[in-house]
Protein backbone atom coordinates (compact mmCIF):
# COMPACT_ATOMS: atom_id res chain seq x y z
CA MET A 1 -81.52 47.88 174.63
CA SER A 2 -78.51 49.58 173.19
CA PHE A 3 -77.57 49.59 169.53
CA ILE A 4 -74.51 47.41 170.22
CA SER A 5 -76.52 44.67 171.91
CA LEU A 6 -79.07 44.72 169.08
CA LYS A 7 -76.24 44.39 166.56
CA LYS A 8 -74.81 41.39 168.44
CA ILE A 9 -78.20 39.66 168.44
CA GLY A 10 -78.64 40.36 164.72
CA ASP A 11 -75.17 39.07 163.86
CA ALA A 12 -75.84 35.87 165.82
CA GLN A 13 -78.84 35.20 163.55
CA LYS A 14 -76.81 35.54 160.31
CA LYS A 15 -75.95 32.50 158.21
CA ALA A 16 -72.24 31.71 157.98
CA ALA A 17 -71.97 31.52 154.20
CA VAL A 18 -74.34 33.37 151.88
CA VAL A 19 -74.28 33.62 148.09
CA ASP A 20 -73.46 37.09 146.72
CA VAL A 21 -76.76 37.90 144.97
CA ARG A 22 -76.97 41.01 142.79
CA SER A 23 -79.73 42.74 140.89
CA GLY A 24 -80.21 41.16 137.48
CA ASP A 25 -79.26 37.65 138.61
CA THR A 26 -81.57 34.79 137.74
CA VAL A 27 -81.79 32.79 140.95
CA ARG A 28 -83.36 29.55 142.12
CA VAL A 29 -84.53 29.95 145.74
CA THR A 30 -85.39 26.79 147.68
CA GLN A 31 -87.70 27.49 150.59
CA LYS A 32 -89.15 25.23 153.31
CA ILE A 33 -92.93 25.35 153.51
CA LYS A 34 -94.94 23.83 156.35
CA GLU A 35 -98.17 22.06 155.40
CA GLY A 36 -99.89 20.63 158.44
CA GLU A 37 -97.20 18.72 160.33
CA LYS A 38 -94.91 18.15 157.33
CA PHE A 39 -92.29 20.35 155.69
CA ARG A 40 -91.65 20.37 151.96
CA SER A 41 -89.24 22.27 149.73
CA GLN A 42 -90.53 24.66 147.11
CA VAL A 43 -88.38 26.21 144.39
CA PHE A 44 -89.00 29.73 143.07
CA GLU A 45 -86.92 30.74 140.05
CA GLY A 46 -86.85 34.27 138.69
CA VAL A 47 -84.91 37.50 138.20
CA VAL A 48 -83.69 39.51 141.20
CA ILE A 49 -85.15 42.97 140.70
CA ARG A 50 -84.05 44.40 144.03
CA THR A 51 -81.54 43.83 146.83
CA ASP A 52 -81.82 45.51 150.22
CA ARG A 53 -79.37 45.85 153.14
CA LYS A 54 -76.83 43.27 151.92
CA ASN A 55 -74.62 43.44 155.01
CA SER A 56 -77.43 43.37 157.56
CA HIS A 57 -79.13 40.40 159.20
CA THR A 58 -82.32 41.68 157.54
CA ALA A 59 -80.86 41.40 154.02
CA ARG A 60 -83.61 40.87 151.47
CA ILE A 61 -83.98 40.12 147.77
CA THR A 62 -87.08 40.54 145.62
CA VAL A 63 -87.45 37.92 142.90
CA ARG A 64 -89.83 38.26 139.92
CA LYS A 65 -91.04 35.67 137.46
CA VAL A 66 -93.85 35.50 134.93
CA THR A 67 -96.14 32.48 135.22
CA SER A 68 -99.01 31.95 132.77
CA GLY A 69 -98.79 35.58 131.69
CA VAL A 70 -99.04 36.87 135.28
CA GLY A 71 -96.08 38.50 137.00
CA VAL A 72 -95.32 37.11 140.45
CA GLU A 73 -92.92 38.75 142.90
CA LYS A 74 -91.68 37.30 146.17
CA SER A 75 -89.38 38.81 148.77
CA PHE A 76 -86.97 36.53 150.60
CA LEU A 77 -84.98 37.33 153.71
CA ILE A 78 -81.55 35.86 152.92
CA HIS A 79 -80.75 34.87 156.51
CA ASN A 80 -84.18 33.34 157.18
CA PRO A 81 -83.84 29.71 158.35
CA LEU A 82 -86.74 28.73 156.05
CA VAL A 83 -84.69 29.74 153.00
CA GLU A 84 -82.66 26.59 152.46
CA LYS A 85 -80.59 27.56 149.43
CA ILE A 86 -80.13 30.37 146.92
CA GLU A 87 -78.49 29.30 143.67
CA ILE A 88 -77.49 31.72 140.93
CA VAL A 89 -78.42 30.36 137.49
CA HIS A 90 -77.53 33.34 135.25
CA ARG A 91 -75.85 36.66 135.87
CA ALA A 92 -76.87 39.67 133.77
CA LYS A 93 -75.22 42.98 133.01
CA VAL A 94 -77.21 45.72 134.73
CA ARG A 95 -76.40 49.25 135.84
CA ARG A 96 -79.04 49.69 138.51
CA LYS A 97 -79.83 48.32 141.94
CA ASN A 98 -83.62 48.43 141.52
CA LEU A 99 -84.93 46.96 138.25
CA SER A 100 -88.56 48.06 138.73
CA PHE A 101 -88.79 48.96 135.02
CA LEU A 102 -89.06 45.22 134.27
CA ARG A 103 -92.58 45.25 135.72
CA GLU A 104 -93.94 47.19 132.73
CA ARG A 105 -92.07 45.12 130.15
CA SER A 106 -92.95 41.76 128.66
CA GLY A 107 -91.50 39.46 126.02
CA LYS A 108 -88.20 40.31 124.39
CA SER A 109 -87.99 43.79 125.92
CA ALA A 110 -87.87 42.23 129.39
CA ARG A 111 -84.73 40.24 128.62
CA LEU A 112 -81.40 41.11 130.21
CA ALA A 113 -77.99 40.57 128.58
CA ASN A 114 -76.27 37.62 130.28
CA LYS A 115 -72.61 37.81 131.18
CA ALA A 116 -70.17 35.00 131.85
CA PHE A 117 -69.41 34.02 135.45
CA ASP A 118 -67.95 31.10 137.37
CA ARG A 119 -71.10 29.32 138.53
CA ASN A 120 -69.35 26.87 140.89
CA ALA A 121 -67.32 29.55 142.65
CA VAL A 122 -70.33 31.84 143.10
CA ASN A 123 -72.74 29.16 144.32
CA ASN A 124 -70.30 27.63 146.83
CA PRO A 125 -69.53 30.50 149.20
CA VAL A 126 -66.81 30.25 151.83
CA ALA A 127 -67.71 30.83 155.49
CA ASP A 128 -66.33 33.79 157.41
CA GLU A 129 -62.53 34.12 157.66
CA PRO A 130 -62.03 33.92 161.48
CA VAL A 131 -63.70 30.50 161.74
CA ALA A 132 -61.50 29.14 158.94
CA GLU A 133 -58.33 30.45 160.62
CA VAL A 134 -59.08 28.66 163.90
CA ALA A 135 -59.78 25.40 162.07
CA SER A 136 -56.65 25.71 159.93
CA GLU A 137 -54.38 26.17 162.98
CA ALA A 138 -55.72 22.98 164.59
CA GLU A 139 -55.50 20.96 161.37
CA ALA A 140 -52.12 22.23 160.13
CA PRO A 141 -50.18 18.99 160.88
CA VAL A 142 -52.93 16.86 159.29
CA ALA A 143 -52.90 19.03 156.15
CA GLU A 144 -49.12 18.72 155.85
CA GLU A 145 -49.36 14.91 156.07
CA LYS A 146 -51.98 14.88 153.30
CA VAL A 147 -49.75 17.00 151.06
CA GLU A 148 -46.81 14.68 151.66
CA LYS A 149 -48.93 11.61 150.83
CA ALA A 150 -50.20 13.24 147.63
CA GLU A 151 -46.67 14.12 146.56
CA ALA A 152 -45.56 10.50 147.20
CA VAL A 153 -48.44 9.18 145.03
CA LEU A 154 -47.55 11.60 142.23
CA GLU A 155 -43.89 10.55 142.41
CA ALA A 156 -44.86 6.86 142.22
CA GLU A 157 -47.17 7.49 139.24
CA SER A 158 -44.48 9.41 137.37
CA GLN A 159 -42.17 6.36 137.56
CA ASP A 160 -44.88 3.81 136.58
CA PRO A 161 -44.63 2.85 132.85
CA GLU A 162 -48.39 2.15 132.53
CA THR A 163 -49.25 5.64 133.77
CA GLN A 164 -46.77 7.12 131.31
CA ALA A 165 -48.44 5.22 128.45
CA GLU A 166 -51.88 6.54 129.55
CA LYS A 167 -50.56 10.10 129.47
CA VAL A 168 -49.42 9.63 125.89
CA ASN A 169 -52.69 7.97 124.80
CA PRO A 170 -55.49 8.69 127.31
CA LYS A 171 -58.00 6.54 125.40
CA GLY A 172 -56.03 3.42 126.23
CA PRO A 173 -53.68 1.22 124.30
CA ALA A 174 -54.14 1.20 120.54
CA GLU A 175 -55.56 -1.94 118.98
CA PRO A 176 -52.88 -4.16 117.49
CA ALA A 177 -52.66 -4.24 113.70
CA GLU A 178 -53.87 -7.50 112.12
């Protein structure tokens, strides 16, 4: 098989929208586990100490957590169908891709400095651009109708005296003096 055909097969196996996971992130990975005939979801929460091949269909993260004084590391293939969800809980300031030095540390020395990030924007990734463009061309008239309806509702609310009173006092009308 040629390299091009292998690349096509690999790209077909990729998930459409994947969270941008970086080293130093504290993540909550939900994974499907088969026990007998049943499937259940198991959550593994820890610090990402390594990311590999981010743009490939074999992209992998290594997550580490300490449980009962014992360090546990698990590697997850990001595009694996058994990995249901990856949610970023905290994002830390790091200057390396591989945080293997955390293995020797424990307690306060193993902490990473958190940095602020938009949790909703990061955990709700958008699918690839070409798919969105095709859908937007087909739904353009519907979207315009929705915008027009929303503008009509806003116009009606701006002329309603009760809505104007709520804008002045959002807690509701004041109690009358006795």
